[in-house]
Structures are given as C-alpha cells and as structure tokens.
Amino acid sequence: MAFIDVDEFVFSPAWAASHQPNHSMLASLVEPIGRKVGQIMIYCNEFGPSGHRTQPKNGVTQGYTCRRRSKERHKSIVQLGAVDPSLVNSVHHFKIKDGFETKRLPSVQINHYKYQVWEEFRTKFRRRVSTYVVDWKDKLNLNSKDRAPGLGVEPVEPDGWAYKFCEENDTLLRDVTRQWFGTEESDRRFKMKWERT
C-alpha cells in the first residue's frame, strides 16, 4: 500500500521511454526487491506555483514545472503484513516488524505539487495540514518543514508567491503525460484527455 497525498504522483523517469502507461509499471519496480523488504522509501520533489496566478486549466502535471532542488520528504510503500502491530508511524514512515527491512527506491520519485497558486494553497489554512502542524494559524512548530518556508501564521499571500520554490525546471512528468494523454493542437498547445471542451 502506498501512502501518498492527492496532489502527489508516483513516477519513474524510466517510464519516459514507454509510449503509453500500463498496470505493470509500478509493480515491475517493486517486485524485484524481495519479500524481506517491508517498506520502500520514495523521495519527493516539491513543486511550486511556477509563475501561475490561476490554476492551470490542463492540470497540475502540465502547469507546475518548477520545483525546489532539495528533497525534504519521502513517502512509503509498505507490505501491510510487515507493519508493526503498534501502528507507530510518522505519517510518511512506519515502524515495521523484526525480520523486515526498509529500502530506498532510487529509480522512482514522487512529484508533490505542494505549493500551488495562492488561491488553491490558501485553502490549506482552513483544514488540518499535517501531523506536526495541525493548523498553520497556531504559533506551534514554527520551524517545522511541514510549514511553507517564510509564510508565517497568517493566510496572506506573500510577495512574489507565484515565483517561490522555483529552483529547478523539471518537465519530465509533464512531457511523459503529454505523450500518453495529450493531443497537440495547431497552436502547439497540448490538450489533455481530462480537459473539458
């Protein structure tokens, strides 16, 4: 079972060579690891607003192409039978039973579209954010990496938000999903299958 958010996409750069997705892609990466591995760690790339002020009409994988350079987080895929009965976890990482091990899967990444346009990102102030920062308006855990750097405790758009968290251009998942789900229009724009006409 993978523990990821709705704004996160599991992706392997090796899939860029495939002309279409298939059900065996993730399984083919996980199966060779072996039965003794109870937990697989996958590191996250955190994407920013990428210069947008409104939500990209063709989706997050198409619109958000600029990300932070460092990988601050990882997510896990676990064998449910390997999880310790205590269920002790830190959301992204589980305590596993003796006899099992945790391995990093370097051939896979998660693209986390964490810092979207301000109107979308601001909604996170109205709901639970994470384990360590329950409400961003509370002046608790101010240095937690679960907080947006430099944002503070008020839902007020910081200057230059549209260009924050942009340290590296990364269009690999955008390009692959265009190949799989897009049609190139006459104006060199791609229309994705999920876009309304």
Protein backbone atom coordinates (compact mmCIF):
# COMPACT_ATOMS: atom_id res chain seq x y z
CA MET A 1 0.00 0.00 0.00
CA ALA A 2 1.30 3.44 -0.92
CA PHE A 3 0.76 6.34 1.48
CA ILE A 4 0.65 9.46 -0.69
CA ASP A 5 -1.49 12.60 -1.00
CA VAL A 6 -3.95 13.52 -3.75
CA ASP A 7 -1.51 16.15 -5.06
CA GLU A 8 1.32 13.62 -5.40
CA PHE A 9 2.20 11.39 -8.35
CA VAL A 10 4.47 8.34 -8.24
CA PHE A 11 6.75 8.40 -11.26
CA SER A 12 9.86 6.72 -12.62
CA PRO A 13 11.99 8.57 -15.17
CA ALA A 14 12.43 5.18 -16.89
CA TRP A 15 8.77 5.35 -17.90
CA ALA A 16 9.59 8.19 -20.29
CA ALA A 17 10.58 5.55 -22.86
CA SER A 18 7.07 4.00 -22.82
CA HIS A 19 4.56 5.18 -25.40
CA GLN A 20 1.66 4.53 -23.02
CA PRO A 21 1.18 3.66 -19.34
CA ASN A 22 0.39 0.13 -18.19
CA HIS A 23 -0.66 -1.59 -14.99
CA SER A 24 2.68 -3.34 -14.52
CA MET A 25 4.84 -0.20 -14.33
CA LEU A 26 4.94 0.27 -10.57
CA ALA A 27 4.80 -3.45 -9.85
CA SER A 28 7.83 -4.04 -12.08
CA LEU A 29 9.85 -1.66 -9.91
CA VAL A 30 8.69 -3.05 -6.57
CA GLU A 31 8.56 -6.83 -7.17
CA PRO A 32 12.33 -7.48 -7.63
CA ILE A 33 13.10 -6.01 -4.20
CA GLY A 34 12.13 -9.21 -2.36
CA ARG A 35 9.86 -10.41 0.40
CA LYS A 36 12.15 -9.31 3.27
CA VAL A 37 11.58 -5.66 2.41
CA GLY A 38 8.61 -4.43 4.40
CA GLN A 39 8.86 -0.75 3.48
CA ILE A 40 10.08 1.15 0.44
CA MET A 41 11.04 4.83 0.71
CA ILE A 42 10.47 7.13 -2.26
CA TYR A 43 11.78 10.69 -2.16
CA CYS A 44 9.60 13.66 -3.13
CA ASN A 45 10.16 16.60 -5.45
CA GLU A 46 8.17 19.63 -4.19
CA PHE A 47 6.80 21.80 -7.00
CA GLY A 48 5.91 25.48 -6.69
CA PRO A 49 3.42 27.81 -8.44
CA SER A 50 5.75 28.01 -11.48
CA GLY A 51 4.74 31.59 -12.30
CA HIS A 52 0.97 30.87 -12.32
CA ARG A 53 -1.56 33.13 -10.65
CA THR A 54 -4.59 30.97 -11.53
CA GLN A 55 -4.91 27.19 -11.50
CA PRO A 56 -3.58 25.70 -14.77
CA LYS A 57 -6.57 24.56 -16.84
CA ASN A 58 -4.80 21.48 -18.13
CA GLY A 59 -3.85 20.18 -14.67
CA VAL A 60 -1.03 20.21 -12.16
CA THR A 61 1.30 17.88 -14.06
CA GLN A 62 1.09 20.20 -17.06
CA GLY A 63 1.16 23.58 -15.37
CA TYR A 64 3.59 23.22 -12.49
CA THR A 65 7.08 22.60 -13.86
CA CYS A 66 9.36 24.40 -11.42
CA ARG A 67 10.41 22.81 -8.13
CA ARG A 68 12.69 23.01 -5.14
CA ARG A 69 16.11 21.44 -5.61
CA SER A 70 16.32 19.64 -2.25
CA LYS A 71 14.19 16.64 -1.40
CA GLU A 72 12.76 17.36 2.06
CA ARG A 73 10.40 14.41 2.39
CA HIS A 74 9.87 10.82 1.46
CA LYS A 75 6.75 8.68 1.27
CA SER A 76 6.41 4.96 1.80
CA ILE A 77 5.03 1.87 0.16
CA VAL A 78 4.58 -0.90 2.74
CA GLN A 79 3.67 -4.55 2.87
CA LEU A 80 0.73 -4.38 5.25
CA GLY A 81 1.80 -7.66 6.86
CA ALA A 82 5.19 -6.11 7.69
CA VAL A 83 3.80 -3.13 9.62
CA ASP A 84 4.37 -3.40 13.37
CA PRO A 85 1.10 -4.11 15.26
CA SER A 86 1.63 -0.90 17.27
CA LEU A 87 0.99 1.07 14.03
CA VAL A 88 3.65 3.54 15.21
CA ASN A 89 4.36 5.89 12.30
CA SER A 90 5.35 9.41 11.39
CA VAL A 91 2.84 9.56 8.53
CA HIS A 92 5.50 9.05 5.88
CA HIS A 93 7.39 6.25 7.59
CA PHE A 94 6.24 3.18 9.55
CA LYS A 95 7.73 1.02 12.26
CA ILE A 96 7.99 -2.45 10.74
CA LYS A 97 8.22 -5.89 12.32
CA ASP A 98 11.52 -7.57 13.15
CA GLY A 99 12.79 -9.57 10.21
CA PHE A 100 11.77 -6.95 7.64
CA GLU A 101 13.86 -4.09 6.31
CA THR A 102 13.32 -0.67 4.78
CA LYS A 103 14.88 0.19 1.43
CA ARG A 104 15.08 3.33 -0.63
CA LEU A 105 13.87 3.01 -4.22
CA PRO A 106 16.12 5.41 -6.17
CA SER A 107 14.56 4.62 -9.56
CA VAL A 108 11.21 6.13 -8.53
CA GLN A 109 10.20 9.59 -7.34
CA ILE A 110 7.08 11.35 -6.19
CA ASN A 111 6.19 14.68 -7.74
CA HIS A 112 4.42 16.61 -4.99
CA TYR A 113 2.52 19.65 -6.27
CA LYS A 114 2.61 21.16 -2.80
CA TYR A 115 2.86 24.91 -3.40
CA GLN A 116 0.20 25.68 -5.98
CA VAL A 117 -1.33 29.02 -6.97
CA TRP A 118 -2.17 31.12 -3.94
CA GLU A 119 -5.97 30.65 -4.05
CA GLU A 120 -5.53 26.88 -4.03
CA PHE A 121 -2.75 26.85 -1.44
CA ARG A 122 -4.65 29.19 0.90
CA THR A 123 -7.35 26.55 1.43
CA LYS A 124 -4.80 24.58 3.45
CA PHE A 125 -5.18 27.18 6.20
CA ARG A 126 -8.79 26.03 6.69
CA ARG A 127 -8.03 22.37 7.30
CA ARG A 128 -5.63 20.06 9.04
CA VAL A 129 -2.24 20.34 7.38
CA SER A 130 -0.02 17.60 8.78
CA THR A 131 0.95 15.66 11.84
CA TYR A 132 3.33 18.31 13.11
CA VAL A 133 1.37 21.39 12.06
CA VAL A 134 -2.31 20.80 12.77
CA ASP A 135 -3.34 24.39 11.98
CA TRP A 136 -0.97 26.88 10.34
CA LYS A 137 -2.61 29.73 12.27
CA ASP A 138 -1.32 28.26 15.55
CA LYS A 139 2.10 29.53 16.59
CA LEU A 140 3.37 25.99 17.18
CA ASN A 141 6.24 24.17 15.48
CA LEU A 142 7.17 27.34 13.56
CA ASN A 143 10.35 25.73 12.19
CA SER A 144 8.64 22.53 11.00
CA LYS A 145 9.39 21.54 7.42
CA ASP A 146 5.65 20.89 7.07
CA ARG A 147 5.17 24.68 7.00
CA ALA A 148 5.69 26.72 3.86
CA PRO A 149 9.06 28.45 4.28
CA GLY A 150 8.64 32.15 5.02
CA LEU A 151 4.83 32.02 5.15
CA GLY A 152 4.21 32.54 8.86
CA VAL A 153 0.83 32.03 10.54
CA GLU A 154 -1.49 34.27 8.53
CA PRO A 155 -3.22 33.29 5.25
CA VAL A 156 -1.88 36.38 3.49
CA GLU A 157 -0.26 35.96 0.09
CA PRO A 158 3.47 36.67 0.38
CA ASP A 159 5.10 38.96 -2.18
CA GLY A 160 6.19 37.04 -5.24
CA TRP A 161 4.29 33.85 -4.31
CA ALA A 162 3.86 32.84 -7.98
CA TYR A 163 7.66 32.53 -8.32
CA LYS A 164 8.53 30.98 -4.96
CA PHE A 165 10.00 27.49 -4.57
CA CYS A 166 11.35 27.59 -8.12
CA GLU A 167 14.95 26.42 -8.10
CA GLU A 168 14.93 23.85 -10.89
CA ASN A 169 12.89 23.43 -14.06
CA ASP A 170 11.51 19.88 -14.29
CA THR A 171 9.23 18.99 -17.20
CA LEU A 172 9.77 15.22 -17.32
CA LEU A 173 6.37 14.14 -15.94
CA ARG A 174 4.67 16.89 -17.96
CA ASP A 175 6.27 15.63 -21.16
CA VAL A 176 5.51 11.97 -20.48
CA THR A 177 1.86 12.64 -19.64
CA ARG A 178 1.55 14.75 -22.80
CA GLN A 179 2.80 11.78 -24.78
CA TRP A 180 0.38 9.42 -23.01
CA PHE A 181 -2.74 11.58 -22.65
CA GLY A 182 -2.33 14.65 -24.86
CA THR A 183 -3.08 15.76 -28.36
CA GLU A 184 -1.05 18.58 -29.89
CA GLU A 185 -3.28 21.39 -31.11
CA SER A 186 -2.50 23.61 -34.10
CA ASP A 187 -1.15 26.38 -31.82
CA ARG A 188 1.49 23.98 -30.37
CA ARG A 189 -0.59 23.66 -27.20
CA PHE A 190 -1.36 20.22 -25.83
CA LYS A 191 -4.94 19.33 -24.94
CA MET A 192 -5.13 16.65 -22.29
CA LYS A 193 -7.82 13.95 -22.24
CA TRP A 194 -9.21 15.25 -18.96
CA GLU A 195 -9.75 18.80 -20.24
CA ARG A 196 -13.31 19.84 -20.99
CA THR A 197 -14.10 21.01 -24.50
